[in-house]
Amino acid sequence: MAKTNFQYEKRQKELEKKKKKEEKLKRKAERGSDSPADDETAENEQPGETPGQDPAAAQ
């Protein structure tokens, strides 16, 4: 019976983990580059408020 090559298996697991981590970072970078400034302004605006207008000046 042949012996199991544990070093090979370990290396394959390490490579798989590294690949997953790189893919996750890539997805995170793509998600972060989708104009976060626009998202923040849309979330901070009140309903009925005109964008770019000072809320204190509207009163």
C-alpha atoms as a PDB file:
ATOM      1  CA  MET A   1       0.000   0.000   0.000  1.00  0.00           C
ATOM      2  CA  ALA A   2       1.293   3.472  -0.929  1.00  0.00           C
ATOM      3  CA  LYS A   3       1.962   6.086   1.701  1.00  0.00           C
ATOM      4  CA  THR A   4      -0.061   9.293   1.702  1.00  0.00           C
ATOM      5  CA  ASN A   5       1.907  12.385   0.787  1.00  0.00           C
ATOM      6  CA  PHE A   6       0.789  14.734   3.579  1.00  0.00           C
ATOM      7  CA  GLN A   7       3.061  17.558   2.450  1.00  0.00           C
ATOM      8  CA  TYR A   8       1.395  17.616  -0.968  1.00  0.00           C
ATOM      9  CA  GLU A   9      -2.082  17.675   0.580  1.00  0.00           C
ATOM     10  CA  LYS A  10      -1.103  20.440   2.957  1.00  0.00           C
ATOM     11  CA  ARG A  11       0.327  22.529   0.112  1.00  0.00           C
ATOM     12  CA  GLN A  12      -2.870  22.092  -1.912  1.00  0.00           C
ATOM     13  CA  LYS A  13      -4.973  23.264   1.032  1.00  0.00           C
ATOM     14  CA  GLU A  14      -2.713  26.301   1.488  1.00  0.00           C
ATOM     15  CA  LEU A  15      -3.006  27.182  -2.201  1.00  0.00           C
ATOM     16  CA  GLU A  16      -6.791  26.846  -2.042  1.00  0.00           C
ATOM     17  CA  LYS A  17      -6.982  29.137   1.002  1.00  0.00           C
ATOM     18  CA  LYS A  18      -4.732  31.693  -0.697  1.00  0.00           C
ATOM     19  CA  LYS A  19      -6.902  31.632  -3.829  1.00  0.00           C
ATOM     20  CA  LYS A  20     -10.107  32.129  -1.805  1.00  0.00           C
ATOM     21  CA  LYS A  21      -8.555  35.010   0.118  1.00  0.00           C
ATOM     22  CA  GLU A  22      -7.450  36.750  -3.091  1.00  0.00           C
ATOM     23  CA  GLU A  23     -10.922  36.336  -4.627  1.00  0.00           C
ATOM     24  CA  LYS A  24     -12.519  37.767  -1.487  1.00  0.00           C
ATOM     25  CA  LEU A  25     -10.202  40.795  -1.548  1.00  0.00           C
ATOM     26  CA  LYS A  26     -10.952  41.296  -5.237  1.00  0.00           C
ATOM     27  CA  ARG A  27     -14.723  41.235  -4.618  1.00  0.00           C
ATOM     28  CA  LYS A  28     -14.306  43.613  -1.703  1.00  0.00           C
ATOM     29  CA  ALA A  29     -12.279  46.031  -3.840  1.00  0.00           C
ATOM     30  CA  GLU A  30     -14.878  45.910  -6.617  1.00  0.00           C
ATOM     31  CA  ARG A  31     -17.703  46.521  -4.159  1.00  0.00           C
ATOM     32  CA  GLY A  32     -15.816  49.408  -2.551  1.00  0.00           C
ATOM     33  CA  SER A  33     -15.106  51.109  -5.872  1.00  0.00           C
ATOM     34  CA  ASP A  34     -18.796  51.425  -6.786  1.00  0.00           C
ATOM     35  CA  SER A  35     -18.844  55.148  -5.948  1.00  0.00           C
ATOM     36  CA  PRO A  36     -19.313  55.022  -2.154  1.00  0.00           C
ATOM     37  CA  ALA A  37     -19.611  58.829  -2.016  1.00  0.00           C
ATOM     38  CA  ASP A  38     -22.904  58.690  -3.934  1.00  0.00           C
ATOM     39  CA  ASP A  39     -24.250  56.026  -1.595  1.00  0.00           C
ATOM     40  CA  GLU A  40     -23.404  58.073   1.498  1.00  0.00           C
ATOM     41  CA  THR A  41     -25.128  61.214   0.242  1.00  0.00           C
ATOM     42  CA  ALA A  42     -28.259  59.283  -0.694  1.00  0.00           C
ATOM     43  CA  GLU A  43     -28.425  57.716   2.771  1.00  0.00           C
ATOM     44  CA  ASN A  44     -27.918  61.036   4.605  1.00  0.00           C
ATOM     45  CA  GLU A  45     -30.586  62.999   2.727  1.00  0.00           C
ATOM     46  CA  GLN A  46     -33.985  63.498   4.319  1.00  0.00           C
ATOM     47  CA  PRO A  47     -37.151  62.823   2.297  1.00  0.00           C
ATOM     48  CA  GLY A  48     -38.267  65.918   0.423  1.00  0.00           C
ATOM     49  CA  GLU A  49     -34.860  67.518   0.792  1.00  0.00           C
ATOM     50  CA  THR A  50     -33.216  68.942  -2.336  1.00  0.00           C
ATOM     51  CA  PRO A  51     -29.700  67.520  -2.890  1.00  0.00           C
ATOM     52  CA  GLY A  52     -26.951  70.098  -2.496  1.00  0.00           C
ATOM     53  CA  GLN A  53     -29.127  72.459  -0.463  1.00  0.00           C
ATOM     54  CA  ASP A  54     -28.328  73.424   3.106  1.00  0.00           C
ATOM     55  CA  PRO A  55     -31.112  72.094   5.370  1.00  0.00           C
ATOM     56  CA  ALA A  56     -30.817  75.128   7.698  1.00  0.00           C
ATOM     57  CA  ALA A  57     -31.296  77.528   4.766  1.00  0.00           C
ATOM     58  CA  ALA A  58     -34.525  75.777   3.726  1.00  0.00           C
ATOM     59  CA  GLN A  59     -36.297  76.727   6.951  1.00  0.00           C
END
